[in-house]
Amino acid sequence: EKNLLVQVGFQFRFHPVLGAIKELLAKERLGRLVSVHVHWGEYLPAWHPWEDYRKGYSARSDLGGGVVLTLCHPFDYLRWMLGEIEGVYALTGHRSGL
């Protein structure tokens, strides 16, 4: 309607280590990949030590606790390295007072 553009910079696709892993996987140098387990966790006080983590978006439950705004990056580079996701299994837990 307003002809606006939005762009997200998925910079991890250009990280040399992730590029090397992608190449190893594509050439099956480590064998055939049959399953992937991914864990992502952050200790918020150390994540952005220059700011009060309690005031940032990553601690705000109304913004998804940072999941929507930050965790798009690992999902992007995993899809880039491995191809489309075929299935997902998740466990959740509450680890802090946030």
N, C-alpha and C. Protein backbone atom coordinates (compact mmCIF):
# COMPACT_ATOMS: atom_id res chain seq x y z
N GLU A 1 0.82 -1.19 0.00
CA GLU A 1 0.00 0.00 0.00
C GLU A 1 0.87 1.26 0.00
N LYS A 2 1.93 1.26 0.80
CA LYS A 2 2.81 2.43 0.86
C LYS A 2 4.10 2.21 0.09
N ASN A 3 4.21 1.06 -0.55
CA ASN A 3 5.37 0.74 -1.38
C ASN A 3 6.68 0.84 -0.59
N LEU A 4 6.68 0.27 0.63
CA LEU A 4 7.86 0.30 1.49
C LEU A 4 8.67 -0.98 1.31
N LEU A 5 9.96 -0.90 1.54
CA LEU A 5 10.84 -2.05 1.47
C LEU A 5 11.37 -2.38 2.86
N VAL A 6 11.54 -3.66 3.12
CA VAL A 6 12.15 -4.11 4.36
C VAL A 6 13.27 -5.08 3.98
N GLN A 7 14.40 -4.96 4.66
CA GLN A 7 15.51 -5.85 4.37
C GLN A 7 16.12 -6.31 5.68
N VAL A 8 16.40 -7.59 5.78
CA VAL A 8 17.07 -8.15 6.95
C VAL A 8 18.45 -8.62 6.50
N GLY A 9 19.48 -8.21 7.21
CA GLY A 9 20.84 -8.63 6.86
C GLY A 9 21.19 -9.93 7.56
N PHE A 10 21.19 -11.01 6.81
CA PHE A 10 21.58 -12.30 7.37
C PHE A 10 23.08 -12.50 7.15
N GLN A 11 23.87 -11.80 7.96
CA GLN A 11 25.30 -11.76 7.78
C GLN A 11 26.01 -13.07 8.08
N PHE A 12 25.38 -13.98 8.83
CA PHE A 12 26.06 -15.23 9.17
C PHE A 12 26.33 -16.09 7.93
N ARG A 13 25.61 -15.87 6.86
CA ARG A 13 25.87 -16.61 5.62
C ARG A 13 27.27 -16.31 5.08
N PHE A 14 27.87 -15.23 5.53
CA PHE A 14 29.18 -14.83 5.04
C PHE A 14 30.30 -15.10 6.05
N HIS A 15 29.96 -15.78 7.14
CA HIS A 15 30.98 -16.11 8.14
C HIS A 15 31.85 -17.24 7.58
N PRO A 16 33.18 -17.09 7.58
CA PRO A 16 34.04 -18.09 6.95
C PRO A 16 33.93 -19.48 7.58
N VAL A 17 33.72 -19.57 8.88
CA VAL A 17 33.60 -20.88 9.52
C VAL A 17 32.31 -21.57 9.09
N LEU A 18 31.20 -20.83 9.06
CA LEU A 18 29.94 -21.43 8.61
C LEU A 18 30.02 -21.83 7.15
N GLY A 19 30.72 -21.04 6.33
CA GLY A 19 30.91 -21.40 4.93
C GLY A 19 31.70 -22.68 4.79
N ALA A 20 32.73 -22.86 5.62
CA ALA A 20 33.53 -24.09 5.59
C ALA A 20 32.70 -25.29 6.02
N ILE A 21 31.87 -25.11 7.04
CA ILE A 21 30.99 -26.21 7.48
C ILE A 21 30.01 -26.57 6.38
N LYS A 22 29.43 -25.57 5.73
CA LYS A 22 28.50 -25.82 4.63
C LYS A 22 29.18 -26.65 3.53
N GLU A 23 30.41 -26.31 3.21
CA GLU A 23 31.14 -27.04 2.17
C GLU A 23 31.43 -28.48 2.59
N LEU A 24 31.84 -28.67 3.84
CA LEU A 24 32.08 -30.03 4.35
C LEU A 24 30.82 -30.88 4.27
N LEU A 25 29.70 -30.28 4.66
CA LEU A 25 28.43 -31.01 4.62
C LEU A 25 28.01 -31.33 3.19
N ALA A 26 28.16 -30.37 2.30
CA ALA A 26 27.76 -30.56 0.90
C ALA A 26 28.57 -31.68 0.24
N LYS A 27 29.83 -31.78 0.60
CA LYS A 27 30.71 -32.81 0.01
C LYS A 27 30.67 -34.12 0.80
N GLU A 28 29.86 -34.15 1.87
CA GLU A 28 29.75 -35.31 2.76
C GLU A 28 31.11 -35.76 3.28
N ARG A 29 31.97 -34.79 3.56
CA ARG A 29 33.31 -35.09 4.09
C ARG A 29 33.24 -35.67 5.50
N LEU A 30 32.14 -35.42 6.19
CA LEU A 30 31.94 -35.94 7.54
C LEU A 30 30.95 -37.10 7.55
N GLY A 31 30.59 -37.57 6.37
CA GLY A 31 29.56 -38.60 6.25
C GLY A 31 28.24 -37.98 5.87
N ARG A 32 27.24 -38.83 5.76
CA ARG A 32 25.90 -38.37 5.37
C ARG A 32 25.16 -37.87 6.60
N LEU A 33 24.66 -36.68 6.53
CA LEU A 33 23.93 -36.07 7.64
C LEU A 33 22.51 -36.64 7.69
N VAL A 34 22.11 -37.14 8.84
CA VAL A 34 20.77 -37.71 8.96
C VAL A 34 19.89 -36.96 9.96
N SER A 35 20.52 -36.19 10.85
CA SER A 35 19.75 -35.48 11.86
C SER A 35 20.57 -34.31 12.39
N VAL A 36 19.89 -33.29 12.86
CA VAL A 36 20.56 -32.12 13.42
C VAL A 36 19.89 -31.76 14.74
N HIS A 37 20.70 -31.51 15.75
CA HIS A 37 20.21 -31.04 17.05
C HIS A 37 20.80 -29.65 17.25
N VAL A 38 19.96 -28.68 17.52
CA VAL A 38 20.41 -27.30 17.69
C VAL A 38 19.97 -26.80 19.06
N HIS A 39 20.89 -26.16 19.75
CA HIS A 39 20.58 -25.52 21.03
C HIS A 39 21.07 -24.08 20.95
N TRP A 40 20.24 -23.15 21.37
CA TRP A 40 20.66 -21.75 21.41
C TRP A 40 20.28 -21.21 22.77
N GLY A 41 21.23 -20.66 23.47
CA GLY A 41 20.97 -20.08 24.77
C GLY A 41 21.83 -18.85 24.98
N GLU A 42 21.35 -17.94 25.75
CA GLU A 42 22.09 -16.70 26.03
C GLU A 42 22.00 -16.39 27.53
N TYR A 43 23.08 -15.88 28.07
CA TYR A 43 23.07 -15.32 29.41
C TYR A 43 22.95 -13.81 29.22
N LEU A 44 21.74 -13.30 29.38
CA LEU A 44 21.45 -11.92 28.99
C LEU A 44 22.36 -10.86 29.61
N PRO A 45 22.74 -10.95 30.89
CA PRO A 45 23.62 -9.90 31.42
C PRO A 45 24.96 -9.80 30.67
N ALA A 46 25.42 -10.88 30.07
CA ALA A 46 26.70 -10.85 29.35
C ALA A 46 26.52 -10.64 27.85
N TRP A 47 25.30 -10.75 27.34
CA TRP A 47 25.08 -10.69 25.90
C TRP A 47 25.39 -9.30 25.34
N HIS A 48 24.82 -8.26 25.95
CA HIS A 48 25.12 -6.87 25.60
C HIS A 48 25.56 -6.17 26.89
N PRO A 49 26.80 -6.37 27.31
CA PRO A 49 27.22 -5.85 28.62
C PRO A 49 27.20 -4.33 28.74
N TRP A 50 27.14 -3.64 27.62
CA TRP A 50 27.14 -2.17 27.63
C TRP A 50 25.76 -1.57 27.91
N GLU A 51 24.72 -2.42 28.00
CA GLU A 51 23.38 -1.90 28.26
C GLU A 51 22.69 -2.75 29.32
N ASP A 52 21.69 -2.19 29.94
CA ASP A 52 20.91 -2.91 30.95
C ASP A 52 20.00 -3.90 30.23
N TYR A 53 20.32 -5.17 30.33
CA TYR A 53 19.57 -6.21 29.62
C TYR A 53 18.09 -6.21 29.98
N ARG A 54 17.74 -5.76 31.18
CA ARG A 54 16.34 -5.78 31.61
C ARG A 54 15.49 -4.77 30.86
N LYS A 55 16.14 -3.81 30.18
CA LYS A 55 15.41 -2.80 29.42
C LYS A 55 15.43 -3.06 27.92
N GLY A 56 16.22 -4.01 27.49
CA GLY A 56 16.34 -4.30 26.06
C GLY A 56 15.23 -5.21 25.56
N TYR A 57 15.13 -5.31 24.26
CA TYR A 57 14.07 -6.12 23.65
C TYR A 57 14.18 -7.59 24.01
N SER A 58 15.38 -8.07 24.27
CA SER A 58 15.56 -9.50 24.53
C SER A 58 14.95 -9.95 25.86
N ALA A 59 14.67 -9.01 26.74
CA ALA A 59 14.05 -9.34 28.03
C ALA A 59 12.56 -9.02 28.06
N ARG A 60 12.03 -8.53 26.96
CA ARG A 60 10.61 -8.13 26.94
C ARG A 60 9.74 -9.26 26.41
N SER A 61 8.88 -9.77 27.27
CA SER A 61 8.01 -10.87 26.85
C SER A 61 7.03 -10.44 25.76
N ASP A 62 6.65 -9.16 25.74
CA ASP A 62 5.72 -8.70 24.70
C ASP A 62 6.38 -8.68 23.32
N LEU A 63 7.71 -8.78 23.27
CA LEU A 63 8.43 -8.85 22.00
C LEU A 63 8.98 -10.25 21.76
N GLY A 64 8.48 -11.23 22.51
CA GLY A 64 8.94 -12.60 22.32
C GLY A 64 10.23 -12.92 23.03
N GLY A 65 10.69 -12.05 23.91
CA GLY A 65 11.93 -12.31 24.64
C GLY A 65 13.15 -12.37 23.74
N GLY A 66 13.08 -11.74 22.60
CA GLY A 66 14.21 -11.74 21.68
C GLY A 66 14.17 -12.82 20.63
N VAL A 67 13.30 -13.80 20.81
CA VAL A 67 13.26 -14.93 19.87
C VAL A 67 12.93 -14.48 18.46
N VAL A 68 11.90 -13.68 18.31
CA VAL A 68 11.47 -13.26 16.97
C VAL A 68 12.51 -12.37 16.31
N LEU A 69 13.13 -11.49 17.09
CA LEU A 69 14.05 -10.51 16.52
C LEU A 69 15.49 -11.00 16.39
N THR A 70 15.89 -11.98 17.17
CA THR A 70 17.27 -12.43 17.16
C THR A 70 17.44 -13.84 16.60
N LEU A 71 16.56 -14.74 16.95
CA LEU A 71 16.74 -16.14 16.54
C LEU A 71 16.39 -16.41 15.09
N CYS A 72 16.01 -15.40 14.34
CA CYS A 72 15.83 -15.60 12.90
C CYS A 72 17.18 -15.89 12.25
N HIS A 73 18.26 -15.43 12.84
CA HIS A 73 19.59 -15.61 12.25
C HIS A 73 20.04 -17.07 12.25
N PRO A 74 19.99 -17.79 13.38
CA PRO A 74 20.39 -19.20 13.30
C PRO A 74 19.46 -20.02 12.41
N PHE A 75 18.16 -19.71 12.41
CA PHE A 75 17.26 -20.44 11.50
C PHE A 75 17.66 -20.19 10.05
N ASP A 76 18.05 -18.96 9.74
CA ASP A 76 18.47 -18.65 8.37
C ASP A 76 19.72 -19.41 7.98
N TYR A 77 20.78 -19.35 8.81
CA TYR A 77 22.01 -20.01 8.37
C TYR A 77 21.90 -21.53 8.42
N LEU A 78 21.06 -22.07 9.28
CA LEU A 78 20.84 -23.53 9.26
C LEU A 78 20.14 -23.95 7.97
N ARG A 79 19.13 -23.19 7.55
CA ARG A 79 18.46 -23.49 6.28
C ARG A 79 19.43 -23.31 5.11
N TRP A 80 20.27 -22.30 5.18
CA TRP A 80 21.27 -22.05 4.13
C TRP A 80 22.26 -23.22 4.03
N MET A 81 22.70 -23.74 5.19
CA MET A 81 23.68 -24.83 5.20
C MET A 81 23.06 -26.18 4.89
N LEU A 82 21.84 -26.42 5.38
CA LEU A 82 21.27 -27.76 5.37
C LEU A 82 20.09 -27.95 4.43
N GLY A 83 19.50 -26.87 3.96
CA GLY A 83 18.29 -26.98 3.15
C GLY A 83 17.06 -26.76 4.00
N GLU A 84 15.91 -26.92 3.39
CA GLU A 84 14.65 -26.64 4.09
C GLU A 84 14.44 -27.59 5.27
N ILE A 85 13.83 -27.08 6.30
CA ILE A 85 13.53 -27.84 7.51
C ILE A 85 12.39 -28.81 7.20
N GLU A 86 12.58 -30.07 7.58
CA GLU A 86 11.55 -31.09 7.31
C GLU A 86 10.69 -31.38 8.53
N GLY A 87 11.21 -31.15 9.71
CA GLY A 87 10.44 -31.42 10.92
C GLY A 87 11.09 -30.72 12.10
N VAL A 88 10.29 -30.44 13.11
CA VAL A 88 10.78 -29.73 14.29
C VAL A 88 10.22 -30.39 15.53
N TYR A 89 11.06 -30.53 16.54
CA TYR A 89 10.66 -31.00 17.85
C TYR A 89 11.24 -30.00 18.85
N ALA A 90 10.46 -29.55 19.79
CA ALA A 90 10.95 -28.53 20.72
C ALA A 90 10.55 -28.83 22.15
N LEU A 91 11.40 -28.44 23.07
CA LEU A 91 11.12 -28.45 24.50
C LEU A 91 11.28 -27.03 24.99
N THR A 92 10.47 -26.63 25.93
CA THR A 92 10.61 -25.29 26.49
C THR A 92 10.77 -25.39 27.99
N GLY A 93 11.28 -24.35 28.56
CA GLY A 93 11.43 -24.30 30.00
C GLY A 93 11.61 -22.86 30.45
N HIS A 94 11.36 -22.63 31.70
CA HIS A 94 11.53 -21.29 32.26
C HIS A 94 12.76 -21.34 33.15
N ARG A 95 13.79 -20.62 32.78
CA ARG A 95 15.06 -20.70 33.48
C ARG A 95 15.39 -19.48 34.34
N SER A 96 14.59 -18.44 34.26
CA SER A 96 14.91 -17.23 35.02
C SER A 96 13.63 -16.48 35.38
N GLY A 97 13.80 -15.35 36.04
CA GLY A 97 12.66 -14.55 36.44
C GLY A 97 12.20 -13.56 35.39
N LEU A 98 12.74 -13.66 34.18
CA LEU A 98 12.34 -12.72 33.13
C LEU A 98 10.93 -12.97 32.67
